[in-house]
Amino acid sequence: MAGADIRELAELALLDRARWRHLGSLAFPYLMFAPAFVLIMGISVVPISYAILQSFFRSPTLSLGRFVGLQNYADYLFTSNGIGSITASLIFVAGTVLIAMPLGFALAVLLSKPIPFRGFLRSVLIMPWLVSNLVGGLLWGWIGNPQYGLIPWLLAQIGVVLPNTISNPVGAMGAVIVASAWAAFPLVMVFVLAAIQTVPPELKEAAQIDGASAWQHFCHVTFPLVRNTTMVALILTSLHAFKSIDIVLVMTGGGPNGATETMALRVFNEAFRLLNLGVGSTGAIIIFVINILFTLAFVRVLRTEHGV
């Protein structure tokens, strides 16, 4: 009986150890994920949740203050400043995308060819992506300055005089769009170049055997295979431009007369300059929702192309 009892106790101990080992294997992935989850909750979920709550209150501080319901949303969206900031954001994002996407795509196609100094050109062309947007804004502000800027000086040598971009609404918007596109095109270039390099060379050889021209090969072989990557680059470029503050803040400060005050910059002004934390939180939530809807729309397009 003593031997049987010992054997039974040993079996129970083995079962108990196996049970704890099984529970440990189940809990291990969650333990590894826990630090990232806590970090995401701390810097994303909690601030966004509090911003949603604060958007219904009027206060000059982080405290909730006085409840005003949807008044903050009406003040942000349906005033002259609100309509102007929405218009400026749409123009800014559209201009950035229309310049950065074709430029980045064309450079990616060029750099995929066996041209001289290809490695050097890749290193140089990626530099705008590595430079801080604040530095980029200061750089382009100096380049386009009508008094001592490089571009106005070069054009003056051939008799062309540029208007003062600081006081001209169209010129100011054009200047910040160029600076934003300059900072954004390397992202498109890197994404598309990486996708082009995954195209099987056998397809190119087959197209050449069939007598396809370079343009036909691009349209019917290369572009269909990199289209999804291009769409991802378009999403990232659009979202980055939509929430961009630093370039516009450094170059124009939202002027002249609010012509370049985008929605993101207005959030900054309302929250940290005018101390309207409720209105600023409202703008941040609106931008957050627009970004989500924008991303879902592109994801739906991608799924439709794959028949999902």
Foldseek 3Di string as FASTA:
>chain_A
DVVVVVVVVVVVVVVVVVVVVVVCVVCVVVVVCVVVVVVCCVPPVVVLVLLVQLLQAWDLDSDNHHGNGCVLVCVQCVDPLNVLQAVLLVLLLVLLLVQQLVVLLVVLVVLLDPDPPSVVVLVVLLVLQVDDLLVLLVLLLQQPAQPRHVVQVVVVVVPDHDDGLQADLVSVSVSLSVSLNSSQNSLNNVQLNVQQVPQDVVLVVVCVVVVHDPVRCCVPGRCVSCVVSSLVSSLVSSLCSSQDANNSCNRHNCDDVNSNNHLNSVLVCCCPVVSRSNSSSSSVVVSVVVSVVSVVVSVVVVCVVVVD
